[in-house]
C-alpha atoms as a PDB file:
ATOM      1  CA  MET A   1     -42.255 -18.418  25.516  1.00  0.00           C
ATOM      2  CA  ASP A   2     -40.155 -17.126  22.654  1.00  0.00           C
ATOM      3  CA  GLY A   3     -37.054 -14.829  22.901  1.00  0.00           C
ATOM      4  CA  ARG A   4     -39.134 -11.708  22.169  1.00  0.00           C
ATOM      5  CA  ASP A   5     -41.238 -12.270  25.195  1.00  0.00           C
ATOM      6  CA  VAL A   6     -38.264 -12.507  27.414  1.00  0.00           C
ATOM      7  CA  LEU A   7     -36.754  -9.362  25.959  1.00  0.00           C
ATOM      8  CA  LYS A   8     -39.988  -7.415  26.177  1.00  0.00           C
ATOM      9  CA  ARG A   9     -40.243  -8.170  29.959  1.00  0.00           C
ATOM     10  CA  GLN A  10     -36.881  -6.659  30.582  1.00  0.00           C
ATOM     11  CA  VAL A  11     -36.945  -3.290  32.242  1.00  0.00           C
ATOM     12  CA  CYS A  12     -33.554  -2.435  30.680  1.00  0.00           C
ATOM     13  CA  PHE A  13     -34.844  -3.066  27.236  1.00  0.00           C
ATOM     14  CA  ALA A  14     -38.019  -0.948  27.860  1.00  0.00           C
ATOM     15  CA  LEU A  15     -35.732   1.911  29.050  1.00  0.00           C
ATOM     16  CA  TYR A  16     -33.442   1.576  26.060  1.00  0.00           C
ATOM     17  CA  SER A  17     -36.340   1.467  23.613  1.00  0.00           C
ATOM     18  CA  ALA A  18     -38.041   4.495  25.144  1.00  0.00           C
ATOM     19  CA  SER A  19     -34.827   6.453  25.144  1.00  0.00           C
ATOM     20  CA  ARG A  20     -34.112   5.700  21.501  1.00  0.00           C
ATOM     21  CA  ALA A  21     -37.631   6.583  20.490  1.00  0.00           C
ATOM     22  CA  ALA A  22     -37.605   9.924  22.418  1.00  0.00           C
ATOM     23  CA  THR A  23     -34.236  10.858  21.033  1.00  0.00           C
ATOM     24  CA  ALA A  24     -35.433  10.005  17.472  1.00  0.00           C
ATOM     25  CA  LEU A  25     -38.495  12.258  18.028  1.00  0.00           C
ATOM     26  CA  TYR A  26     -36.293  15.102  19.326  1.00  0.00           C
ATOM     27  CA  ARG A  27     -33.868  14.841  16.482  1.00  0.00           C
ATOM     28  CA  PRO A  28     -35.929  16.728  13.776  1.00  0.00           C
ATOM     29  CA  MET A  29     -37.157  19.292  16.322  1.00  0.00           C
ATOM     30  CA  LEU A  30     -33.715  20.089  17.511  1.00  0.00           C
ATOM     31  CA  SER A  31     -32.292  19.950  14.064  1.00  0.00           C
ATOM     32  CA  GLU A  32     -34.446  22.955  13.188  1.00  0.00           C
ATOM     33  CA  LEU A  33     -32.713  24.787  16.047  1.00  0.00           C
ATOM     34  CA  GLY A  34     -29.313  23.664  14.932  1.00  0.00           C
ATOM     35  CA  LEU A  35     -28.859  21.541  17.997  1.00  0.00           C
ATOM     36  CA  THR A  36     -28.070  17.954  18.953  1.00  0.00           C
ATOM     37  CA  TYR A  37     -29.723  16.355  21.849  1.00  0.00           C
ATOM     38  CA  PRO A  38     -26.615  16.646  24.173  1.00  0.00           C
ATOM     39  CA  GLN A  39     -26.251  20.371  23.181  1.00  0.00           C
ATOM     40  CA  TYR A  40     -29.964  20.912  23.976  1.00  0.00           C
ATOM     41  CA  LEU A  41     -29.456  19.408  27.472  1.00  0.00           C
ATOM     42  CA  VAL A  42     -26.527  21.790  28.133  1.00  0.00           C
ATOM     43  CA  LEU A  43     -28.635  24.716  27.025  1.00  0.00           C
ATOM     44  CA  LEU A  44     -31.542  23.651  29.198  1.00  0.00           C
ATOM     45  CA  LEU A  45     -29.252  23.860  32.197  1.00  0.00           C
ATOM     46  CA  LEU A  46     -27.696  27.242  31.141  1.00  0.00           C
ATOM     47  CA  TRP A  47     -31.091  28.758  30.543  1.00  0.00           C
ATOM     48  CA  GLU A  48     -31.744  28.081  34.248  1.00  0.00           C
ATOM     49  CA  ARG A  49     -28.196  28.727  35.526  1.00  0.00           C
ATOM     50  CA  ASP A  50     -26.278  30.928  33.106  1.00  0.00           C
ATOM     51  CA  GLY A  51     -22.629  30.993  34.196  1.00  0.00           C
ATOM     52  CA  ALA A  52     -22.462  27.513  35.610  1.00  0.00           C
ATOM     53  CA  SER A  53     -19.041  25.987  35.681  1.00  0.00           C
ATOM     54  CA  VAL A  54     -17.932  23.190  33.333  1.00  0.00           C
ATOM     55  CA  ARG A  55     -17.678  20.960  36.379  1.00  0.00           C
ATOM     56  CA  GLU A  56     -21.206  21.739  37.474  1.00  0.00           C
ATOM     57  CA  LEU A  57     -22.521  21.021  33.963  1.00  0.00           C
ATOM     58  CA  GLY A  58     -20.600  17.749  33.775  1.00  0.00           C
ATOM     59  CA  GLU A  59     -21.964  16.638  37.220  1.00  0.00           C
ATOM     60  CA  GLU A  60     -25.516  17.543  36.376  1.00  0.00           C
ATOM     61  CA  LEU A  61     -25.473  15.834  32.931  1.00  0.00           C
ATOM     62  CA  ALA A  62     -23.309  12.939  34.195  1.00  0.00           C
ATOM     63  CA  LEU A  63     -20.714  13.672  31.526  1.00  0.00           C
ATOM     64  CA  ASP A  64     -16.998  13.514  31.828  1.00  0.00           C
ATOM     65  CA  SER A  65     -14.739  16.419  30.569  1.00  0.00           C
ATOM     66  CA  GLY A  66     -13.749  14.334  27.457  1.00  0.00           C
ATOM     67  CA  THR A  67     -17.272  14.309  26.301  1.00  0.00           C
ATOM     68  CA  LEU A  68     -18.407  17.790  27.556  1.00  0.00           C
ATOM     69  CA  SER A  69     -15.471  19.859  26.381  1.00  0.00           C
ATOM     70  CA  PRO A  70     -15.925  19.106  22.680  1.00  0.00           C
ATOM     71  CA  LEU A  71     -19.660  19.651  23.054  1.00  0.00           C
ATOM     72  CA  LEU A  72     -19.088  23.056  24.604  1.00  0.00           C
ATOM     73  CA  LYS A  73     -16.535  23.905  21.975  1.00  0.00           C
ATOM     74  CA  ARG A  74     -19.154  23.210  19.249  1.00  0.00           C
ATOM     75  CA  LEU A  75     -21.762  25.324  21.036  1.00  0.00           C
ATOM     76  CA  GLU A  76     -19.115  28.170  21.351  1.00  0.00           C
ATOM     77  CA  ALA A  77     -18.225  27.789  17.618  1.00  0.00           C
ATOM     78  CA  ALA A  78     -21.998  28.201  16.861  1.00  0.00           C
ATOM     79  CA  GLY A  79     -22.055  31.426  18.873  1.00  0.00           C
ATOM     80  CA  LEU A  80     -24.441  30.157  21.522  1.00  0.00           C
ATOM     81  CA  VAL A  81     -22.075  30.079  24.515  1.00  0.00           C
ATOM     82  CA  ARG A  82     -18.774  31.460  25.725  1.00  0.00           C
ATOM     83  CA  ARG A  83     -16.363  29.897  28.069  1.00  0.00           C
ATOM     84  CA  GLN A  84     -14.541  32.149  30.506  1.00  0.00           C
ATOM     85  CA  ARG A  85     -12.079  31.555  33.374  1.00  0.00           C
ATOM     86  CA  SER A  86     -13.324  32.667  36.717  1.00  0.00           C
ATOM     87  CA  ALA A  87     -11.804  35.773  38.071  1.00  0.00           C
ATOM     88  CA  ASP A  88     -11.874  34.113  41.570  1.00  0.00           C
ATOM     89  CA  ASP A  89     -10.313  30.846  40.593  1.00  0.00           C
ATOM     90  CA  GLU A  90      -8.409  30.556  37.332  1.00  0.00           C
ATOM     91  CA  ARG A  91      -8.940  26.732  37.375  1.00  0.00           C
ATOM     92  CA  ARG A  92     -12.705  27.185  37.220  1.00  0.00           C
ATOM     93  CA  VAL A  93     -14.262  27.728  33.719  1.00  0.00           C
ATOM     94  CA  GLN A  94     -17.660  29.156  33.653  1.00  0.00           C
ATOM     95  CA  VAL A  95     -20.012  28.848  30.712  1.00  0.00           C
ATOM     96  CA  HIS A  96     -22.162  31.846  29.716  1.00  0.00           C
ATOM     97  CA  LEU A  97     -24.925  32.153  27.200  1.00  0.00           C
ATOM     98  CA  THR A  98     -24.434  34.579  24.372  1.00  0.00           C
ATOM     99  CA  ASP A  99     -27.315  36.717  23.193  1.00  0.00           C
ATOM    100  CA  ASP A 100     -28.024  34.154  20.538  1.00  0.00           C
ATOM    101  CA  GLY A 101     -27.943  31.345  23.039  1.00  0.00           C
ATOM    102  CA  ALA A 102     -30.331  33.113  25.327  1.00  0.00           C
ATOM    103  CA  ALA A 103     -32.675  33.923  22.408  1.00  0.00           C
ATOM    104  CA  LEU A 104     -32.740  30.283  21.402  1.00  0.00           C
ATOM    105  CA  ARG A 105     -34.642  29.494  24.569  1.00  0.00           C
ATOM    106  CA  GLU A 106     -37.864  31.036  23.186  1.00  0.00           C
ATOM    107  CA  ARG A 107     -37.579  28.993  19.992  1.00  0.00           C
ATOM    108  CA  ALA A 108     -37.017  25.801  21.927  1.00  0.00           C
ATOM    109  CA  ALA A 109     -39.913  26.348  24.414  1.00  0.00           C
ATOM    110  CA  ALA A 110     -42.287  24.209  22.460  1.00  0.00           C
ATOM    111  CA  VAL A 111     -40.024  21.165  22.365  1.00  0.00           C
ATOM    112  CA  PRO A 112     -41.014  19.612  25.660  1.00  0.00           C
ATOM    113  CA  GLN A 113     -44.688  20.049  24.965  1.00  0.00           C
ATOM    114  CA  GLN A 114     -44.305  18.462  21.511  1.00  0.00           C
ATOM    115  CA  LEU A 115     -42.699  15.439  23.083  1.00  0.00           C
ATOM    116  CA  ALA A 116     -45.385  15.153  25.748  1.00  0.00           C
ATOM    117  CA  GLU A 117     -48.140  15.273  23.166  1.00  0.00           C
ATOM    118  CA  ALA A 118     -46.420  12.610  21.050  1.00  0.00           C
ATOM    119  CA  ALA A 119     -46.054  10.432  24.186  1.00  0.00           C
ATOM    120  CA  GLY A 120     -49.807  10.468  24.634  1.00  0.00           C
ATOM    121  CA  LEU A 121     -49.469  10.788  28.432  1.00  0.00           C
ATOM    122  CA  GLY A 122     -51.215  13.269  30.566  1.00  0.00           C
ATOM    123  CA  PRO A 123     -49.210  15.712  32.768  1.00  0.00           C
ATOM    124  CA  GLY A 124     -49.865  13.584  35.934  1.00  0.00           C
ATOM    125  CA  GLU A 125     -48.643  10.476  34.100  1.00  0.00           C
ATOM    126  CA  LEU A 126     -45.506  12.206  32.900  1.00  0.00           C
ATOM    127  CA  ASP A 127     -44.835  13.544  36.381  1.00  0.00           C
ATOM    128  CA  GLN A 128     -45.214  10.129  37.815  1.00  0.00           C
ATOM    129  CA  LEU A 129     -42.965   8.550  35.147  1.00  0.00           C
ATOM    130  CA  ARG A 130     -40.285  11.221  35.688  1.00  0.00           C
ATOM    131  CA  GLY A 131     -40.428  10.482  39.360  1.00  0.00           C
ATOM    132  CA  THR A 132     -40.201   6.735  38.970  1.00  0.00           C
ATOM    133  CA  LEU A 133     -37.199   7.140  36.612  1.00  0.00           C
ATOM    134  CA  SER A 134     -35.474   9.530  38.971  1.00  0.00           C
ATOM    135  CA  ARG A 135     -35.808   7.051  41.836  1.00  0.00           C
ATOM    136  CA  LEU A 136     -34.560   4.277  39.562  1.00  0.00           C
ATOM    137  CA  THR A 137     -31.559   6.298  38.414  1.00  0.00           C
ATOM    138  CA  ALA A 138     -30.685   7.222  41.999  1.00  0.00           C
ATOM    139  CA  ALA A 139     -31.020   3.567  43.235  1.00  0.00           C
ATOM    140  CA  LEU A 140     -28.924   2.242  40.366  1.00  0.00           C
ATOM    141  CA  HIS A 141     -26.193   4.881  40.998  1.00  0.00           C
ATOM    142  CA  ALA A 142     -26.254   3.955  44.693  1.00  0.00           C
ATOM    143  CA  ALA A 143     -25.944   0.256  43.841  1.00  0.00           C
ATOM    144  CA  ALA A 144     -23.035   0.822  41.533  1.00  0.00           C
ATOM    145  CA  SER A 145     -20.999   2.806  44.107  1.00  0.00           C
END
């Protein structure tokens, strides 16, 4: 058994490789939209929950404020979002889509389908994979705490 066989049997390497391959496929699609992958993830959340707080976005994306704040600043500079202090609680900063940010949703709508087609997996297989990965993530988070 050579080193490549050992490596290829590692779940962590399979996850790492799949993540890198998916991100590489996303890159040109998102580049056409003027987005990076992390920016796309933020917008996916905001398209569903416009006005979410910075804290909520950070929790959902598992990003700390040191990573999320500059990302939001770049999205704001691009004219896609605006940050606003909550009228109810000055400590809470909410993130709202601009008209341009909301309109980008339509242009980005084909991205998930393009990735699914490239993966060569049917809808049922993708749902099963997503479920397995979600359970794995939850179990690993629980084991780490």
